Amino acid sequence: MSRISLTVHPNDNVTTLLDFKTEDWLTQAGLALQETIAFGHKAALKPILQGQAIIKYGTPIGIATQDIPKGAHVHIHNCR
């Protein structure tokens, strides 16, 4: 069974994981996760280059501090 995630706006480049499962590394939308991602945390929907905006709900919420591959965890370790 795949993980539940929420993507609100068509311009979003991240999705938010909405379940507590950690053993499944595929979202219901078909995104292959690159690592275990906790409930409420974000995963990259496409590659995000260093310096690019992190877009959630159609709004910039941060800047990537390093290249983030598709399916990777997006959090304080790789954005500000």
PDB file of N, CA and C in Angstrom:
ATOM      1  N   MET A   1       0.855  -1.193   0.000  1.00  0.00           N
ATOM      2  CA  MET A   1       0.000   0.000   0.000  1.00  0.00           C
ATOM      3  C   MET A   1       0.888   1.238   0.000  1.00  0.00           C
ATOM      4  N   SER A   2       0.517   2.251  -0.749  1.00  0.00           N
ATOM      5  CA  SER A   2       1.339   3.438  -0.895  1.00  0.00           C
ATOM      6  C   SER A   2       1.027   4.482   0.179  1.00  0.00           C
ATOM      7  N   ARG A   3       1.926   5.442   0.285  1.00  0.00           N
ATOM      8  CA  ARG A   3       1.798   6.515   1.265  1.00  0.00           C
ATOM      9  C   ARG A   3       0.859   7.595   0.769  1.00  0.00           C
ATOM     10  N   ILE A   4       0.214   8.270   1.704  1.00  0.00           N
ATOM     11  CA  ILE A   4      -0.698   9.368   1.390  1.00  0.00           C
ATOM     12  C   ILE A   4       0.087  10.674   1.439  1.00  0.00           C
ATOM     13  N   SER A   5      -0.045  11.474   0.392  1.00  0.00           N
ATOM     14  CA  SER A   5       0.622  12.775   0.378  1.00  0.00           C
ATOM     15  C   SER A   5      -0.339  13.825  -0.154  1.00  0.00           C
ATOM     16  N   LEU A   6      -0.033  15.077   0.154  1.00  0.00           N
ATOM     17  CA  LEU A   6      -0.889  16.188  -0.241  1.00  0.00           C
ATOM     18  C   LEU A   6      -0.088  17.196  -1.049  1.00  0.00           C
ATOM     19  N   THR A   7      -0.548  17.438  -2.259  1.00  0.00           N
ATOM     20  CA  THR A   7      -0.006  18.492  -3.106  1.00  0.00           C
ATOM     21  C   THR A   7      -1.183  19.392  -3.446  1.00  0.00           C
ATOM     22  N   VAL A   8      -1.092  20.677  -3.106  1.00  0.00           N
ATOM     23  CA  VAL A   8      -2.239  21.572  -3.201  1.00  0.00           C
ATOM     24  C   VAL A   8      -2.303  22.338  -4.516  1.00  0.00           C
ATOM     25  N   HIS A   9      -1.171  22.834  -4.971  1.00  0.00           N
ATOM     26  CA  HIS A   9      -1.153  23.758  -6.108  1.00  0.00           C
ATOM     27  C   HIS A   9      -0.346  23.150  -7.258  1.00  0.00           C
ATOM     28  N   PRO A  10      -0.731  23.384  -8.499  1.00  0.00           N
ATOM     29  CA  PRO A  10       0.018  22.812  -9.619  1.00  0.00           C
ATOM     30  C   PRO A  10       1.465  23.296  -9.715  1.00  0.00           C
ATOM     31  N   ASN A  11       1.795  24.437  -9.110  1.00  0.00           N
ATOM     32  CA  ASN A  11       3.175  24.936  -9.129  1.00  0.00           C
ATOM     33  C   ASN A  11       4.031  24.390  -7.991  1.00  0.00           C
ATOM     34  N   ASP A  12       3.439  23.628  -7.065  1.00  0.00           N
ATOM     35  CA  ASP A  12       4.202  23.081  -5.937  1.00  0.00           C
ATOM     36  C   ASP A  12       5.325  22.175  -6.440  1.00  0.00           C
ATOM     37  N   ASN A  13       6.496  22.286  -5.802  1.00  0.00           N
ATOM     38  CA  ASN A  13       7.569  21.348  -6.122  1.00  0.00           C
ATOM     39  C   ASN A  13       7.855  20.410  -4.950  1.00  0.00           C
ATOM     40  N   VAL A  14       6.993  20.458  -3.930  1.00  0.00           N
ATOM     41  CA  VAL A  14       7.045  19.519  -2.808  1.00  0.00           C
ATOM     42  C   VAL A  14       5.649  18.995  -2.516  1.00  0.00           C
ATOM     43  N   THR A  15       5.598  17.830  -1.898  1.00  0.00           N
ATOM     44  CA  THR A  15       4.350  17.254  -1.410  1.00  0.00           C
ATOM     45  C   THR A  15       4.546  16.927   0.059  1.00  0.00           C
ATOM     46  N   THR A  16       3.478  16.938   0.850  1.00  0.00           N
ATOM     47  CA  THR A  16       3.554  16.672   2.276  1.00  0.00           C
ATOM     48  C   THR A  16       3.022  15.277   2.566  1.00  0.00           C
ATOM     49  N   LEU A  17       3.792  14.480   3.313  1.00  0.00           N
ATOM     50  CA  LEU A  17       3.382  13.126   3.681  1.00  0.00           C
ATOM     51  C   LEU A  17       2.395  13.191   4.835  1.00  0.00           C
ATOM     52  N   LEU A  18       1.262  12.511   4.673  1.00  0.00           N
ATOM     53  CA  LEU A  18       0.164  12.624   5.631  1.00  0.00           C
ATOM     54  C   LEU A  18      -0.167  11.310   6.340  1.00  0.00           C
ATOM     55  N   ASP A  19       0.775  10.423   6.443  1.00  0.00           N
ATOM     56  CA  ASP A  19       0.537   9.193   7.192  1.00  0.00           C
ATOM     57  C   ASP A  19       1.776   8.875   8.021  1.00  0.00           C
ATOM     58  N   PHE A  20       1.631   7.910   8.900  1.00  0.00           N
ATOM     59  CA  PHE A  20       2.720   7.567   9.812  1.00  0.00           C
ATOM     60  C   PHE A  20       3.513   6.355   9.335  1.00  0.00           C
ATOM     61  N   LYS A  21       3.159   5.808   8.177  1.00  0.00           N
ATOM     62  CA  LYS A  21       3.898   4.658   7.656  1.00  0.00           C
ATOM     63  C   LYS A  21       5.286   5.104   7.218  1.00  0.00           C
ATOM     64  N   THR A  22       6.254   4.265   7.436  1.00  0.00           N
ATOM     65  CA  THR A  22       7.603   4.571   6.973  1.00  0.00           C
ATOM     66  C   THR A  22       8.159   3.457   6.096  1.00  0.00           C
ATOM     67  N   GLU A  23       7.472   2.323   6.054  1.00  0.00           N
ATOM     68  CA  GLU A  23       8.001   1.191   5.289  1.00  0.00           C
ATOM     69  C   GLU A  23       7.725   1.311   3.789  1.00  0.00           C
ATOM     70  N   ASP A  24       6.710   2.065   3.396  1.00  0.00           N
ATOM     71  CA  ASP A  24       6.396   2.228   1.977  1.00  0.00           C
ATOM     72  C   ASP A  24       7.127   3.446   1.427  1.00  0.00           C
ATOM     73  N   TRP A  25       7.783   3.257   0.299  1.00  0.00           N
ATOM     74  CA  TRP A  25       8.559   4.340  -0.291  1.00  0.00           C
ATOM     75  C   TRP A  25       7.985   4.799  -1.618  1.00  0.00           C
ATOM     76  N   LEU A  26       6.643   4.692  -1.742  1.00  0.00           N
ATOM     77  CA  LEU A  26       5.950   5.141  -2.941  1.00  0.00           C
ATOM     78  C   LEU A  26       4.678   5.854  -2.492  1.00  0.00           C
ATOM     79  N   THR A  27       4.407   7.026  -3.054  1.00  0.00           N
ATOM     80  CA  THR A  27       3.174   7.746  -2.707  1.00  0.00           C
ATOM     81  C   THR A  27       2.040   7.285  -3.611  1.00  0.00           C
ATOM     82  N   GLN A  28       0.828   7.615  -3.222  1.00  0.00           N
ATOM     83  CA  GLN A  28      -0.339   7.226  -4.022  1.00  0.00           C
ATOM     84  C   GLN A  28      -0.306   7.882  -5.393  1.00  0.00           C
ATOM     85  N   ALA A  29       0.429   8.971  -5.541  1.00  0.00           N
ATOM     86  CA  ALA A  29       0.557   9.652  -6.835  1.00  0.00           C
ATOM     87  C   ALA A  29       1.700   9.070  -7.670  1.00  0.00           C
ATOM     88  N   GLY A  30       2.393   8.059  -7.142  1.00  0.00           N
ATOM     89  CA  GLY A  30       3.457   7.408  -7.898  1.00  0.00           C
ATOM     90  C   GLY A  30       4.847   7.974  -7.693  1.00  0.00           C
ATOM     91  N   LEU A  31       5.029   8.879  -6.741  1.00  0.00           N
ATOM     92  CA  LEU A  31       6.352   9.436  -6.457  1.00  0.00           C
ATOM     93  C   LEU A  31       7.159   8.416  -5.658  1.00  0.00           C
ATOM     94  N   ALA A  32       8.319   8.035  -6.160  1.00  0.00           N
ATOM     95  CA  ALA A  32       9.212   7.124  -5.441  1.00  0.00           C
ATOM     96  C   ALA A  32      10.050   7.938  -4.464  1.00  0.00           C
ATOM     97  N   LEU A  33       9.886   7.675  -3.170  1.00  0.00           N
ATOM     98  CA  LEU A  33      10.652   8.372  -2.143  1.00  0.00           C
ATOM     99  C   LEU A  33      12.068   7.822  -2.098  1.00  0.00           C
ATOM    100  N   GLN A  34      13.033   8.688  -1.838  1.00  0.00           N
ATOM    101  CA  GLN A  34      14.439   8.290  -1.806  1.00  0.00           C
ATOM    102  C   GLN A  34      14.899   7.863  -0.413  1.00  0.00           C
ATOM    103  N   GLU A  35      14.052   8.109   0.598  1.00  0.00           N
ATOM    104  CA  GLU A  35      14.429   7.825   1.983  1.00  0.00           C
ATOM    105  C   GLU A  35      13.171   7.803   2.838  1.00  0.00           C
ATOM    106  N   THR A  36      13.309   7.405   4.087  1.00  0.00           N
ATOM    107  CA  THR A  36      12.191   7.431   5.016  1.00  0.00           C
ATOM    108  C   THR A  36      11.862   8.881   5.335  1.00  0.00           C
ATOM    109  N   ILE A  37      10.594   9.247   5.221  1.00  0.00           N
ATOM    110  CA  ILE A  37      10.155  10.621   5.484  1.00  0.00           C
ATOM    111  C   ILE A  37       9.004  10.571   6.481  1.00  0.00           C
ATOM    112  N   ALA A  38       9.111  11.327   7.554  1.00  0.00           N
ATOM    113  CA  ALA A  38       8.136  11.303   8.642  1.00  0.00           C
ATOM    114  C   ALA A  38       6.845  12.030   8.270  1.00  0.00           C
ATOM    115  N   PHE A  39       5.791  11.722   9.008  1.00  0.00           N
ATOM    116  CA  PHE A  39       4.494  12.384   8.886  1.00  0.00           C
ATOM    117  C   PHE A  39       4.677  13.902   8.927  1.00  0.00           C
ATOM    118  N   GLY A  40       4.020  14.601   8.011  1.00  0.00           N
ATOM    119  CA  GLY A  40       4.034  16.061   8.004  1.00  0.00           C
ATOM    120  C   GLY A  40       5.248  16.674   7.332  1.00  0.00           C
ATOM    121  N   HIS A  41       6.217  15.855   6.957  1.00  0.00           N
ATOM    122  CA  HIS A  41       7.409  16.380   6.290  1.00  0.00           C
ATOM    123  C   HIS A  41       7.203  16.351   4.783  1.00  0.00           C
ATOM    124  N   LYS A  42       8.081  17.046   4.064  1.00  0.00           N
ATOM    125  CA  LYS A  42       7.926  17.232   2.628  1.00  0.00           C
ATOM    126  C   LYS A  42       8.896  16.366   1.830  1.00  0.00           C
ATOM    127  N   ALA A  43       8.461  16.014   0.624  1.00  0.00           N
ATOM    128  CA  ALA A  43       9.308  15.329  -0.348  1.00  0.00           C
ATOM    129  C   ALA A  43       9.297  16.138  -1.637  1.00  0.00           C
ATOM    130  N   ALA A  44      10.432  16.140  -2.322  1.00  0.00           N
ATOM    131  CA  ALA A  44      10.542  16.874  -3.585  1.00  0.00           C
ATOM    132  C   ALA A  44       9.790  16.134  -4.687  1.00  0.00           C
ATOM    133  N   LEU A  45       8.924  16.848  -5.398  1.00  0.00           N
ATOM    134  CA  LEU A  45       8.172  16.280  -6.516  1.00  0.00           C
ATOM    135  C   LEU A  45       9.003  16.204  -7.792  1.00  0.00           C
ATOM    136  N   LYS A  46      10.040  17.017  -7.860  1.00  0.00           N
ATOM    137  CA  LYS A  46      10.951  17.050  -9.004  1.00  0.00           C
ATOM    138  C   LYS A  46      12.289  17.550  -8.474  1.00  0.00           C
ATOM    139  N   PRO A  47      13.347  17.419  -9.241  1.00  0.00           N
ATOM    140  CA  PRO A  47      14.630  17.937  -8.761  1.00  0.00           C
ATOM    141  C   PRO A  47      14.538  19.447  -8.486  1.00  0.00           C
ATOM    142  N   ILE A  48      15.104  19.852  -7.365  1.00  0.00           N
ATOM    143  CA  ILE A  48      15.145  21.272  -6.987  1.00  0.00           C
ATOM    144  C   ILE A  48      16.622  21.643  -6.880  1.00  0.00           C
ATOM    145  N   LEU A  49      17.055  22.605  -7.658  1.00  0.00           N
ATOM    146  CA  LEU A  49      18.451  23.005  -7.671  1.00  0.00           C
ATOM    147  C   LEU A  49      18.763  23.975  -6.540  1.00  0.00           C
ATOM    148  N   GLN A  50      20.005  23.954  -6.097  1.00  0.00           N
ATOM    149  CA  GLN A  50      20.455  24.887  -5.076  1.00  0.00           C
ATOM    150  C   GLN A  50      20.106  26.310  -5.499  1.00  0.00           C
ATOM    151  N   GLY A  51      19.499  27.061  -4.586  1.00  0.00           N
ATOM    152  CA  GLY A  51      19.107  28.442  -4.863  1.00  0.00           C
ATOM    153  C   GLY A  51      17.682  28.595  -5.353  1.00  0.00           C
ATOM    154  N   GLN A  52      17.046  27.501  -5.770  1.00  0.00           N
ATOM    155  CA  GLN A  52      15.658  27.575  -6.228  1.00  0.00           C
ATOM    156  C   GLN A  52      14.712  27.633  -5.032  1.00  0.00           C
ATOM    157  N   ALA A  53      13.545  28.224  -5.279  1.00  0.00           N
ATOM    158  CA  ALA A  53      12.519  28.326  -4.240  1.00  0.00           C
ATOM    159  C   ALA A  53      11.873  26.970  -3.989  1.00  0.00           C
ATOM    160  N   ILE A  54      11.546  26.712  -2.725  1.00  0.00           N
ATOM    161  CA  ILE A  54      10.718  25.577  -2.327  1.00  0.00           C
ATOM    162  C   ILE A  54       9.285  26.105  -2.379  1.00  0.00           C
ATOM    163  N   ILE A  55       8.435  25.493  -3.201  1.00  0.00           N
ATOM    164  CA  ILE A  55       7.066  25.977  -3.410  1.00  0.00           C
ATOM    165  C   ILE A  55       6.081  24.994  -2.785  1.00  0.00           C
ATOM    166  N   LYS A  56       5.279  25.497  -1.843  1.00  0.00           N
ATOM    167  CA  LYS A  56       4.217  24.716  -1.201  1.00  0.00           C
ATOM    168  C   LYS A  56       2.976  25.603  -1.159  1.00  0.00           C
ATOM    169  N   TYR A  57       1.814  25.047  -1.473  1.00  0.00           N
ATOM    170  CA  TYR A  57       0.561  25.807  -1.559  1.00  0.00           C
ATOM    171  C   TYR A  57       0.662  26.934  -2.580  1.00  0.00           C
ATOM    172  N   GLY A  58       1.535  26.765  -3.595  1.00  0.00           N
ATOM    173  CA  GLY A  58       1.701  27.774  -4.630  1.00  0.00           C
ATOM    174  C   GLY A  58       2.520  28.975  -4.201  1.00  0.00           C
ATOM    175  N   THR A  59       3.134  28.894  -3.011  1.00  0.00           N
ATOM    176  CA  THR A  59       3.866  30.018  -2.432  1.00  0.00           C
ATOM    177  C   THR A  59       5.274  29.592  -2.037  1.00  0.00           C
ATOM    178  N   PRO A  60       6.287  30.426  -2.282  1.00  0.00           N
ATOM    179  CA  PRO A  60       7.634  30.082  -1.832  1.00  0.00           C
ATOM    180  C   PRO A  60       7.688  30.021  -0.293  1.00  0.00           C
ATOM    181  N   ILE A  61       8.247  28.932   0.226  1.00  0.00           N
ATOM    182  CA  ILE A  61       8.372  28.797   1.687  1.00  0.00           C
ATOM    183  C   ILE A  61       9.832  28.698   2.115  1.00  0.00           C
ATOM    184  N   GLY A  62      10.744  28.699   1.168  1.00  0.00           N
ATOM    185  CA  GLY A  62      12.161  28.597   1.485  1.00  0.00           C
ATOM    186  C   GLY A  62      12.978  28.523   0.216  1.00  0.00           C
ATOM    187  N   ILE A  63      14.294  28.369   0.416  1.00  0.00           N
ATOM    188  CA  ILE A  63      15.249  28.280  -0.682  1.00  0.00           C
ATOM    189  C   ILE A  63      16.093  27.029  -0.454  1.00  0.00           C
ATOM    190  N   ALA A  64      16.323  26.274  -1.504  1.00  0.00           N
ATOM    191  CA  ALA A  64      17.166  25.084  -1.406  1.00  0.00           C
ATOM    192  C   ALA A  64      18.619  25.509  -1.168  1.00  0.00           C
ATOM    193  N   THR A  65      19.259  24.939  -0.154  1.00  0.00           N
ATOM    194  CA  THR A  65      20.653  25.247   0.148  1.00  0.00           C
ATOM    195  C   THR A  65      21.598  24.263  -0.530  1.00  0.00           C
ATOM    196  N   GLN A  66      21.028  23.261  -1.192  1.00  0.00           N
ATOM    197  CA  GLN A  66      21.798  22.290  -1.976  1.00  0.00           C
ATOM    198  C   GLN A  66      20.846  21.688  -3.002  1.00  0.00           C
ATOM    199  N   ASP A  67      21.381  20.976  -3.968  1.00  0.00           N
ATOM    200  CA  ASP A  67      20.521  20.282  -4.928  1.00  0.00           C
ATOM    201  C   ASP A  67      19.732  19.210  -4.190  1.00  0.00           C
ATOM    202  N   ILE A  68      18.440  19.116  -4.483  1.00  0.00           N
ATOM    203  CA  ILE A  68      17.556  18.143  -3.845  1.00  0.00           C
ATOM    204  C   ILE A  68      16.973  17.258  -4.945  1.00  0.00           C
ATOM    205  N   PRO A  69      17.274  15.962  -4.917  1.00  0.00           N
ATOM    206  CA  PRO A  69      16.735  15.090  -5.965  1.00  0.00           C
ATOM    207  C   PRO A  69      15.248  14.810  -5.790  1.00  0.00           C
ATOM    208  N   LYS A  70      14.605  14.443  -6.874  1.00  0.00           N
ATOM    209  CA  LYS A  70      13.196  14.050  -6.837  1.00  0.00           C
ATOM    210  C   LYS A  70      13.021  12.916  -5.826  1.00  0.00           C
ATOM    211  N   GLY A  71      12.004  13.054  -4.958  1.00  0.00           N
ATOM    212  CA  GLY A  71      11.701  12.029  -3.967  1.00  0.00           C
ATOM    213  C   GLY A  71      12.458  12.153  -2.667  1.00  0.00           C
ATOM    214  N   ALA A  72      13.364  13.133  -2.568  1.00  0.00           N
ATOM    215  CA  ALA A  72      14.159  13.314  -1.353  1.00  0.00           C
ATOM    216  C   ALA A  72      13.393  14.117  -0.301  1.00  0.00           C
ATOM    217  N   HIS A  73      13.781  13.939   0.942  1.00  0.00           N
ATOM    218  CA  HIS A  73      13.243  14.679   2.075  1.00  0.00           C
ATOM    219  C   HIS A  73      13.644  16.147   1.942  1.00  0.00           C
ATOM    220  N   VAL A  74      12.703  17.041   2.102  1.00  0.00           N
ATOM    221  CA  VAL A  74      12.960  18.485   2.054  1.00  0.00           C
ATOM    222  C   VAL A  74      12.684  19.015   3.464  1.00  0.00           C
ATOM    223  N   HIS A  75      13.731  19.491   4.121  1.00  0.00           N
ATOM    224  CA  HIS A  75      13.601  19.948   5.512  1.00  0.00           C
ATOM    225  C   HIS A  75      14.766  20.893   5.804  1.00  0.00           C
ATOM    226  N   ILE A  76      14.996  21.193   7.060  1.00  0.00           N
ATOM    227  CA  ILE A  76      15.995  22.194   7.445  1.00  0.00           C
ATOM    228  C   ILE A  76      17.422  21.818   7.066  1.00  0.00           C
ATOM    229  N   HIS A  77      17.687  20.556   6.767  1.00  0.00           N
ATOM    230  CA  HIS A  77      19.041  20.155   6.393  1.00  0.00           C
ATOM    231  C   HIS A  77      19.390  20.530   4.952  1.00  0.00           C
ATOM    232  N   ASN A  78      18.371  20.873   4.129  1.00  0.00           N
ATOM    233  CA  ASN A  78      18.665  21.220   2.743  1.00  0.00           C
ATOM    234  C   ASN A  78      17.891  22.437   2.231  1.00  0.00           C
ATOM    235  N   CYS A  79      17.290  23.189   3.139  1.00  0.00           N
ATOM    236  CA  CYS A  79      16.650  24.443   2.751  1.00  0.00           C
ATOM    237  C   CYS A  79      16.637  25.411   3.924  1.00  0.00           C
ATOM    238  N   ARG A  80      16.441  26.672   3.589  1.00  0.00           N
ATOM    239  CA  ARG A  80      16.340  27.702   4.643  1.00  0.00           C
ATOM    240  C   ARG A  80      15.157  28.581   4.356  1.00  0.00           C
TER     241      ARG A  80
END
